[in-house]
Amino acid sequence: MIEISHITKIYGQQKALDDVSFNVEAGEIVGLLGPNGAGKSTLMKIITCFIPPTEGEVKVCGHDIYDDSMAVRRCIGYLPEQNPLYLDMYVREFLRFVAGVYGLKEKDDRVEEMIKRVGLLPEANKKIGQLSKGYRQRVGLAQALIHDPQVLILDEPTTGLDPNQLEEIRHLIRSVGKQKIVLLSTHIMQEVEAMCSRAIIIDHGHLVSDDKMEHITSQQLTEKFHKLTK
């Protein structure tokens, strides 16, 4: 479970997040929906222990971000919006490096498993810098999943993908979400409708809506979101 309690984040005079609280259970794919600058990425960085909140508490799989941040990080696979890859490394070389960082045994077997799972096999012998945007996203997903985390955090995971790549990445995220917690941010309505079991809307740092997709129609969700972007 992810437990977020009264999180506030202040940069100077600006409140990026203002008293945000919600929980996410295993088996949920939750979409963080909101306009650019709403606070989605800030919240994800707090959950993943990249930055501390100004106020509030976060627990991931029972571990507190203040008291046990290393345990939190071991529980999480994270793909940030700006996918940080070593472009001069080959795909297998990079994934072996990541597996080594996590101290995984039988690294080569795990690397090959991830290459097949995210559909990297046709490009696996190339340098990352030679890959298209879509295949770079697959490498990013592979590194986020390689240590078999309980929680997957994805910041704008399908930005810039072509229609074929988009559907393949969506299918992968849906399959992962059957066993894990998936929290993904987006400002695209169709992303939430295509992948998520629940939608949380954030605007100007405030949580303004939290609904299961089975309890809200696509039109209602669209209307809520469009009110914020006018």
C-alpha atoms as a PDB file:
ATOM      1  CA  MET A   1       0.000   0.000   0.000  1.00  0.00           C
ATOM      2  CA  ILE A   2       0.950   3.633  -0.554  1.00  0.00           C
ATOM      3  CA  GLU A   3      -0.305   5.851   2.283  1.00  0.00           C
ATOM      4  CA  ILE A   4      -0.170   9.599   1.665  1.00  0.00           C
ATOM      5  CA  SER A   5      -1.247  11.761   4.602  1.00  0.00           C
ATOM      6  CA  HIS A   6      -1.601  15.570   4.484  1.00  0.00           C
ATOM      7  CA  ILE A   7       1.337  16.168   2.156  1.00  0.00           C
ATOM      8  CA  THR A   8       2.291  19.800   1.555  1.00  0.00           C
ATOM      9  CA  LYS A   9       5.295  20.965  -0.470  1.00  0.00           C
ATOM     10  CA  ILE A  10       6.342  24.612  -0.585  1.00  0.00           C
ATOM     11  CA  TYR A  11       8.938  26.082  -2.952  1.00  0.00           C
ATOM     12  CA  GLY A  12       9.673  29.608  -1.758  1.00  0.00           C
ATOM     13  CA  GLN A  13       6.261  31.262  -1.704  1.00  0.00           C
ATOM     14  CA  GLN A  14       4.569  28.670  -3.938  1.00  0.00           C
ATOM     15  CA  LYS A  15       2.596  25.700  -2.636  1.00  0.00           C
ATOM     16  CA  ALA A  16       3.219  22.936  -5.142  1.00  0.00           C
ATOM     17  CA  LEU A  17       1.102  20.554  -3.017  1.00  0.00           C
ATOM     18  CA  ASP A  18      -1.448  21.555  -0.397  1.00  0.00           C
ATOM     19  CA  ASP A  19      -2.656  18.984   2.176  1.00  0.00           C
ATOM     20  CA  VAL A  20      -2.940  16.010  -0.219  1.00  0.00           C
ATOM     21  CA  SER A  21      -4.088  12.666   1.226  1.00  0.00           C
ATOM     22  CA  PHE A  22      -5.016   9.322  -0.386  1.00  0.00           C
ATOM     23  CA  ASN A  23      -4.127   5.611  -0.264  1.00  0.00           C
ATOM     24  CA  VAL A  24      -3.391   3.164  -3.076  1.00  0.00           C
ATOM     25  CA  GLU A  25      -3.902  -0.594  -2.666  1.00  0.00           C
ATOM     26  CA  ALA A  26      -2.223  -3.531  -4.412  1.00  0.00           C
ATOM     27  CA  GLY A  27      -3.803  -4.370  -7.761  1.00  0.00           C
ATOM     28  CA  GLU A  28      -4.796  -0.767  -8.492  1.00  0.00           C
ATOM     29  CA  ILE A  29      -3.625   1.254 -11.468  1.00  0.00           C
ATOM     30  CA  VAL A  30      -4.164   4.850 -10.378  1.00  0.00           C
ATOM     31  CA  GLY A  31      -3.938   7.760 -12.779  1.00  0.00           C
ATOM     32  CA  LEU A  32      -2.799  11.122 -11.439  1.00  0.00           C
ATOM     33  CA  LEU A  33      -4.527  13.483 -13.802  1.00  0.00           C
ATOM     34  CA  GLY A  34      -4.069  17.222 -13.978  1.00  0.00           C
ATOM     35  CA  PRO A  35      -2.827  20.162 -16.060  1.00  0.00           C
ATOM     36  CA  ASN A  36       0.891  20.816 -16.437  1.00  0.00           C
ATOM     37  CA  GLY A  37       2.194  22.295 -13.197  1.00  0.00           C
ATOM     38  CA  ALA A  38      -0.583  20.776 -11.079  1.00  0.00           C
ATOM     39  CA  GLY A  39       1.862  19.052  -8.706  1.00  0.00           C
ATOM     40  CA  LYS A  40       1.857  15.501 -10.098  1.00  0.00           C
ATOM     41  CA  SER A  41       5.607  15.160 -10.596  1.00  0.00           C
ATOM     42  CA  THR A  42       6.331  16.781  -7.231  1.00  0.00           C
ATOM     43  CA  LEU A  43       4.145  14.201  -5.498  1.00  0.00           C
ATOM     44  CA  MET A  44       5.892  11.351  -7.310  1.00  0.00           C
ATOM     45  CA  LYS A  45       9.315  12.685  -6.336  1.00  0.00           C
ATOM     46  CA  ILE A  46       8.212  12.774  -2.697  1.00  0.00           C
ATOM     47  CA  ILE A  47       6.891   9.189  -2.803  1.00  0.00           C
ATOM     48  CA  THR A  48      10.166   7.973  -4.353  1.00  0.00           C
ATOM     49  CA  CYS A  49      12.288   9.859  -1.756  1.00  0.00           C
ATOM     50  CA  PHE A  50      13.892  12.201  -4.309  1.00  0.00           C
ATOM     51  CA  ILE A  51      12.679  15.257  -2.393  1.00  0.00           C
ATOM     52  CA  PRO A  52      11.175  15.639   1.110  1.00  0.00           C
ATOM     53  CA  PRO A  53       7.725  17.136   1.750  1.00  0.00           C
ATOM     54  CA  THR A  54       7.400  20.333   3.743  1.00  0.00           C
ATOM     55  CA  GLU A  55       4.682  18.700   5.837  1.00  0.00           C
ATOM     56  CA  GLY A  56       2.902  15.358   6.007  1.00  0.00           C
ATOM     57  CA  GLU A  57       3.727  11.668   5.937  1.00  0.00           C
ATOM     58  CA  VAL A  58       4.160   8.984   3.274  1.00  0.00           C
ATOM     59  CA  LYS A  59       4.485   5.235   3.773  1.00  0.00           C
ATOM     60  CA  VAL A  60       5.208   2.732   1.009  1.00  0.00           C
ATOM     61  CA  CYS A  61       4.693  -0.954   1.792  1.00  0.00           C
ATOM     62  CA  GLY A  62       4.715  -0.038   5.470  1.00  0.00           C
ATOM     63  CA  HIS A  63       8.030   1.854   5.287  1.00  0.00           C
ATOM     64  CA  ASP A  64       8.203   5.550   6.199  1.00  0.00           C
ATOM     65  CA  ILE A  65       9.983   7.868   3.730  1.00  0.00           C
ATOM     66  CA  TYR A  66      11.766   9.635   6.617  1.00  0.00           C
ATOM     67  CA  ASP A  67      12.787   6.695   8.800  1.00  0.00           C
ATOM     68  CA  ASP A  68      13.446   4.006   6.190  1.00  0.00           C
ATOM     69  CA  SER A  69      13.982   5.635   2.817  1.00  0.00           C
ATOM     70  CA  MET A  70      16.242   2.851   1.523  1.00  0.00           C
ATOM     71  CA  ALA A  71      13.522   0.255   2.145  1.00  0.00           C
ATOM     72  CA  VAL A  72      11.040   2.512   0.338  1.00  0.00           C
ATOM     73  CA  ARG A  73      13.344   2.744  -2.671  1.00  0.00           C
ATOM     74  CA  ARG A  74      13.775  -1.029  -2.795  1.00  0.00           C
ATOM     75  CA  CYS A  75       9.981  -1.371  -3.007  1.00  0.00           C
ATOM     76  CA  ILE A  76       9.639   1.065  -5.910  1.00  0.00           C
ATOM     77  CA  GLY A  77      10.349   0.989  -9.616  1.00  0.00           C
ATOM     78  CA  TYR A  78      10.456   4.538 -10.998  1.00  0.00           C
ATOM     79  CA  LEU A  79      10.334   5.910 -14.525  1.00  0.00           C
ATOM     80  CA  PRO A  80      10.615   9.723 -14.406  1.00  0.00           C
ATOM     81  CA  GLU A  81       9.279  11.988 -17.146  1.00  0.00           C
ATOM     82  CA  GLN A  82      12.800  12.679 -18.451  1.00  0.00           C
ATOM     83  CA  ASN A  83      13.921   9.074 -18.926  1.00  0.00           C
ATOM     84  CA  PRO A  84      17.517   9.049 -17.555  1.00  0.00           C
ATOM     85  CA  LEU A  85      19.459   6.597 -19.705  1.00  0.00           C
ATOM     86  CA  TYR A  86      23.148   6.201 -20.550  1.00  0.00           C
ATOM     87  CA  LEU A  87      22.993   6.668 -24.310  1.00  0.00           C
ATOM     88  CA  ASP A  88      26.491   5.271 -24.961  1.00  0.00           C
ATOM     89  CA  MET A  89      25.665   1.944 -23.303  1.00  0.00           C
ATOM     90  CA  TYR A  90      24.179  -1.042 -25.096  1.00  0.00           C
ATOM     91  CA  VAL A  91      20.716  -2.174 -23.986  1.00  0.00           C
ATOM     92  CA  ARG A  92      21.931  -5.373 -22.309  1.00  0.00           C
ATOM     93  CA  GLU A  93      24.932  -3.598 -20.821  1.00  0.00           C
ATOM     94  CA  PHE A  94      22.723  -0.934 -19.233  1.00  0.00           C
ATOM     95  CA  LEU A  95      20.239  -3.427 -17.816  1.00  0.00           C
ATOM     96  CA  ARG A  96      23.061  -5.551 -16.381  1.00  0.00           C
ATOM     97  CA  PHE A  97      24.404  -2.398 -14.752  1.00  0.00           C
ATOM     98  CA  VAL A  98      20.999  -1.654 -13.182  1.00  0.00           C
ATOM     99  CA  ALA A  99      20.639  -5.263 -12.028  1.00  0.00           C
ATOM    100  CA  GLY A 100      24.057  -4.972 -10.391  1.00  0.00           C
ATOM    101  CA  VAL A 101      23.037  -1.796  -8.576  1.00  0.00           C
ATOM    102  CA  TYR A 102      20.160  -3.752  -7.035  1.00  0.00           C
ATOM    103  CA  GLY A 103      22.474  -6.649  -6.190  1.00  0.00           C
ATOM    104  CA  LEU A 104      20.438  -9.164  -8.167  1.00  0.00           C
ATOM    105  CA  LYS A 105      21.621 -12.749  -8.511  1.00  0.00           C
ATOM    106  CA  GLU A 106      21.590 -14.377 -11.955  1.00  0.00           C
ATOM    107  CA  LYS A 107      21.664 -10.936 -13.580  1.00  0.00           C
ATOM    108  CA  ASP A 108      21.898 -12.207 -17.146  1.00  0.00           C
ATOM    109  CA  ASP A 109      18.773 -14.348 -16.820  1.00  0.00           C
ATOM    110  CA  ARG A 110      16.815 -11.427 -15.347  1.00  0.00           C
ATOM    111  CA  VAL A 111      18.028  -9.068 -18.081  1.00  0.00           C
ATOM    112  CA  GLU A 112      16.919 -11.448 -20.809  1.00  0.00           C
ATOM    113  CA  GLU A 113      13.555 -11.919 -19.094  1.00  0.00           C
ATOM    114  CA  MET A 114      12.971  -8.148 -18.999  1.00  0.00           C
ATOM    115  CA  ILE A 115      14.079  -7.666 -22.610  1.00  0.00           C
ATOM    116  CA  LYS A 116      11.439 -10.169 -23.723  1.00  0.00           C
ATOM    117  CA  ARG A 117       8.767  -8.834 -21.384  1.00  0.00           C
ATOM    118  CA  VAL A 118       8.952  -5.224 -22.592  1.00  0.00           C
ATOM    119  CA  GLY A 119       9.439  -6.116 -26.268  1.00  0.00           C
ATOM    120  CA  LEU A 120      13.074  -5.029 -26.614  1.00  0.00           C
ATOM    121  CA  LEU A 121      14.357  -8.154 -28.348  1.00  0.00           C
ATOM    122  CA  PRO A 122      14.553  -6.634 -31.890  1.00  0.00           C
ATOM    123  CA  GLU A 123      16.722  -3.759 -30.596  1.00  0.00           C
ATOM    124  CA  ALA A 124      18.596  -5.470 -27.772  1.00  0.00           C
ATOM    125  CA  ASN A 125      21.999  -5.405 -29.539  1.00  0.00           C
ATOM    126  CA  LYS A 126      21.971  -1.641 -30.146  1.00  0.00           C
ATOM    127  CA  LYS A 127      23.281   1.264 -28.149  1.00  0.00           C
ATOM    128  CA  ILE A 128      20.509   3.130 -26.320  1.00  0.00           C
ATOM    129  CA  GLY A 129      21.389   6.298 -28.234  1.00  0.00           C
ATOM    130  CA  GLN A 130      20.425   4.529 -31.482  1.00  0.00           C
ATOM    131  CA  LEU A 131      16.909   3.682 -30.269  1.00  0.00           C
ATOM    132  CA  SER A 132      13.660   5.459 -31.061  1.00  0.00           C
ATOM    133  CA  LYS A 133      11.688   7.259 -28.359  1.00  0.00           C
ATOM    134  CA  GLY A 134       9.385   4.253 -27.976  1.00  0.00           C
ATOM    135  CA  TYR A 135      12.204   1.770 -27.484  1.00  0.00           C
ATOM    136  CA  ARG A 136      13.946   4.094 -25.036  1.00  0.00           C
ATOM    137  CA  GLN A 137      10.733   4.104 -22.993  1.00  0.00           C
ATOM    138  CA  ARG A 138      10.810   0.314 -23.029  1.00  0.00           C
ATOM    139  CA  VAL A 139      14.367   0.395 -21.685  1.00  0.00           C
ATOM    140  CA  GLY A 140      13.159   2.772 -18.961  1.00  0.00           C
ATOM    141  CA  LEU A 141      10.329   0.406 -18.067  1.00  0.00           C
ATOM    142  CA  ALA A 142      12.712  -2.545 -18.028  1.00  0.00           C
ATOM    143  CA  GLN A 143      15.030  -0.808 -15.558  1.00  0.00           C
ATOM    144  CA  ALA A 144      12.038   0.158 -13.393  1.00  0.00           C
ATOM    145  CA  LEU A 145      10.818  -3.457 -13.286  1.00  0.00           C
ATOM    146  CA  ILE A 146      14.085  -5.375 -13.198  1.00  0.00           C
ATOM    147  CA  HIS A 147      14.190  -5.782  -9.395  1.00  0.00           C
ATOM    148  CA  ASP A 148      10.539  -6.909  -9.291  1.00  0.00           C
ATOM    149  CA  PRO A 149       9.259  -3.966  -7.201  1.00  0.00           C
ATOM    150  CA  GLN A 150       5.905  -3.995  -5.425  1.00  0.00           C
ATOM    151  CA  VAL A 151       5.166  -0.442  -6.578  1.00  0.00           C
ATOM    152  CA  LEU A 152       5.641   1.077 -10.032  1.00  0.00           C
ATOM    153  CA  ILE A 153       5.730   4.885 -10.361  1.00  0.00           C
ATOM    154  CA  LEU A 154       5.467   6.221 -13.926  1.00  0.00           C
ATOM    155  CA  ASP A 155       5.654   9.919 -14.779  1.00  0.00           C
ATOM    156  CA  GLU A 156       4.099  10.599 -18.227  1.00  0.00           C
ATOM    157  CA  PRO A 157       5.118   7.111 -19.468  1.00  0.00           C
ATOM    158  CA  THR A 158       3.671   7.336 -22.997  1.00  0.00           C
ATOM    159  CA  THR A 159       4.634  10.875 -24.013  1.00  0.00           C
ATOM    160  CA  GLY A 160       5.869  11.045 -27.615  1.00  0.00           C
ATOM    161  CA  LEU A 161       5.024   7.477 -28.604  1.00  0.00           C
ATOM    162  CA  ASP A 162       3.460   6.589 -31.948  1.00  0.00           C
ATOM    163  CA  PRO A 163       0.049   4.821 -31.941  1.00  0.00           C
ATOM    164  CA  ASN A 164       1.484   1.291 -32.193  1.00  0.00           C
ATOM    165  CA  GLN A 165       4.031   1.866 -29.445  1.00  0.00           C
ATOM    166  CA  LEU A 166       1.345   3.556 -27.342  1.00  0.00           C
ATOM    167  CA  GLU A 167      -0.933   0.529 -27.342  1.00  0.00           C
ATOM    168  CA  GLU A 168       1.932  -1.874 -26.617  1.00  0.00           C
ATOM    169  CA  ILE A 169       3.140   0.168 -23.619  1.00  0.00           C
ATOM    170  CA  ARG A 170      -0.431   0.488 -22.333  1.00  0.00           C
ATOM    171  CA  HIS A 171      -0.863  -3.287 -22.568  1.00  0.00           C
ATOM    172  CA  LEU A 172       2.382  -3.816 -20.641  1.00  0.00           C
ATOM    173  CA  ILE A 173       1.323  -1.396 -17.878  1.00  0.00           C
ATOM    174  CA  ARG A 174      -2.096  -3.055 -17.579  1.00  0.00           C
ATOM    175  CA  SER A 175      -0.473  -6.492 -17.255  1.00  0.00           C
ATOM    176  CA  VAL A 176       1.963  -5.249 -14.600  1.00  0.00           C
ATOM    177  CA  GLY A 177      -0.906  -3.650 -12.687  1.00  0.00           C
ATOM    178  CA  LYS A 178      -2.559  -7.029 -12.059  1.00  0.00           C
ATOM    179  CA  GLN A 179       0.091  -7.888  -9.459  1.00  0.00           C
ATOM    180  CA  LYS A 180       1.536  -4.538  -8.391  1.00  0.00           C
ATOM    181  CA  ILE A 181       0.548  -1.031  -7.391  1.00  0.00           C
ATOM    182  CA  VAL A 182       0.902   1.276 -10.391  1.00  0.00           C
ATOM    183  CA  LEU A 183       0.738   5.044 -10.000  1.00  0.00           C
ATOM    184  CA  LEU A 184       1.085   6.984 -13.249  1.00  0.00           C
ATOM    185  CA  SER A 185       0.800  10.665 -14.019  1.00  0.00           C
ATOM    186  CA  THR A 186      -0.643  12.150 -17.179  1.00  0.00           C
ATOM    187  CA  HIS A 187      -2.508  15.143 -18.514  1.00  0.00           C
ATOM    188  CA  ILE A 188      -4.119  13.050 -21.266  1.00  0.00           C
ATOM    189  CA  MET A 189      -7.667  11.867 -20.576  1.00  0.00           C
ATOM    190  CA  GLN A 190      -7.419   8.841 -22.874  1.00  0.00           C
ATOM    191  CA  GLU A 191      -4.494   7.477 -20.864  1.00  0.00           C
ATOM    192  CA  VAL A 192      -6.582   7.198 -17.717  1.00  0.00           C
ATOM    193  CA  GLU A 193      -9.545   5.710 -19.559  1.00  0.00           C
ATOM    194  CA  ALA A 194      -7.336   3.133 -21.317  1.00  0.00           C
ATOM    195  CA  MET A 195      -5.268   1.928 -18.367  1.00  0.00           C
ATOM    196  CA  CYS A 196      -6.518   2.981 -14.957  1.00  0.00           C
ATOM    197  CA  SER A 197      -8.913   1.521 -12.418  1.00  0.00           C
ATOM    198  CA  ARG A 198      -9.036   4.827 -10.544  1.00  0.00           C
ATOM    199  CA  ALA A 199      -8.518   8.495 -11.369  1.00  0.00           C
ATOM    200  CA  ILE A 200      -7.219  11.201  -9.037  1.00  0.00           C
ATOM    201  CA  ILE A 201      -7.326  14.775 -10.297  1.00  0.00           C
ATOM    202  CA  ILE A 202      -4.884  17.333  -8.895  1.00  0.00           C
ATOM    203  CA  ASP A 203      -5.013  21.047  -9.659  1.00  0.00           C
ATOM    204  CA  HIS A 204      -2.758  23.768  -8.254  1.00  0.00           C
ATOM    205  CA  GLY A 205      -1.557  21.336  -5.598  1.00  0.00           C
ATOM    206  CA  HIS A 206      -5.051  20.396  -4.395  1.00  0.00           C
ATOM    207  CA  LEU A 207      -6.699  16.988  -4.706  1.00  0.00           C
ATOM    208  CA  VAL A 208     -10.000  17.893  -6.349  1.00  0.00           C
ATOM    209  CA  SER A 209     -11.383  14.464  -7.320  1.00  0.00           C
ATOM    210  CA  ASP A 210     -10.809  10.787  -6.485  1.00  0.00           C
ATOM    211  CA  ASP A 211     -13.053   8.227  -8.201  1.00  0.00           C
ATOM    212  CA  LYS A 212     -12.911   4.589  -9.263  1.00  0.00           C
ATOM    213  CA  MET A 213     -13.403   4.349 -13.005  1.00  0.00           C
ATOM    214  CA  GLU A 214     -16.341   1.980 -12.503  1.00  0.00           C
ATOM    215  CA  HIS A 215     -18.158   4.737 -10.594  1.00  0.00           C
ATOM    216  CA  ILE A 216     -17.647   7.551 -13.099  1.00  0.00           C
ATOM    217  CA  THR A 217     -18.359   7.822 -16.809  1.00  0.00           C
ATOM    218  CA  SER A 218     -15.764   8.986 -19.294  1.00  0.00           C
ATOM    219  CA  GLN A 219     -17.901  12.058 -19.951  1.00  0.00           C
ATOM    220  CA  GLN A 220     -18.040  12.986 -16.265  1.00  0.00           C
ATOM    221  CA  LEU A 221     -14.295  12.593 -15.906  1.00  0.00           C
ATOM    222  CA  THR A 222     -13.713  14.656 -19.036  1.00  0.00           C
ATOM    223  CA  GLU A 223     -15.994  17.422 -17.777  1.00  0.00           C
ATOM    224  CA  LYS A 224     -14.180  17.548 -14.426  1.00  0.00           C
ATOM    225  CA  PHE A 225     -10.821  17.775 -16.127  1.00  0.00           C
ATOM    226  CA  HIS A 226     -11.879  20.369 -18.706  1.00  0.00           C
ATOM    227  CA  LYS A 227     -13.124  22.676 -15.954  1.00  0.00           C
ATOM    228  CA  LEU A 228      -9.548  22.869 -14.698  1.00  0.00           C
ATOM    229  CA  THR A 229      -7.947  23.549 -18.078  1.00  0.00           C
ATOM    230  CA  LYS A 230     -10.211  26.422 -19.142  1.00  0.00           C
END
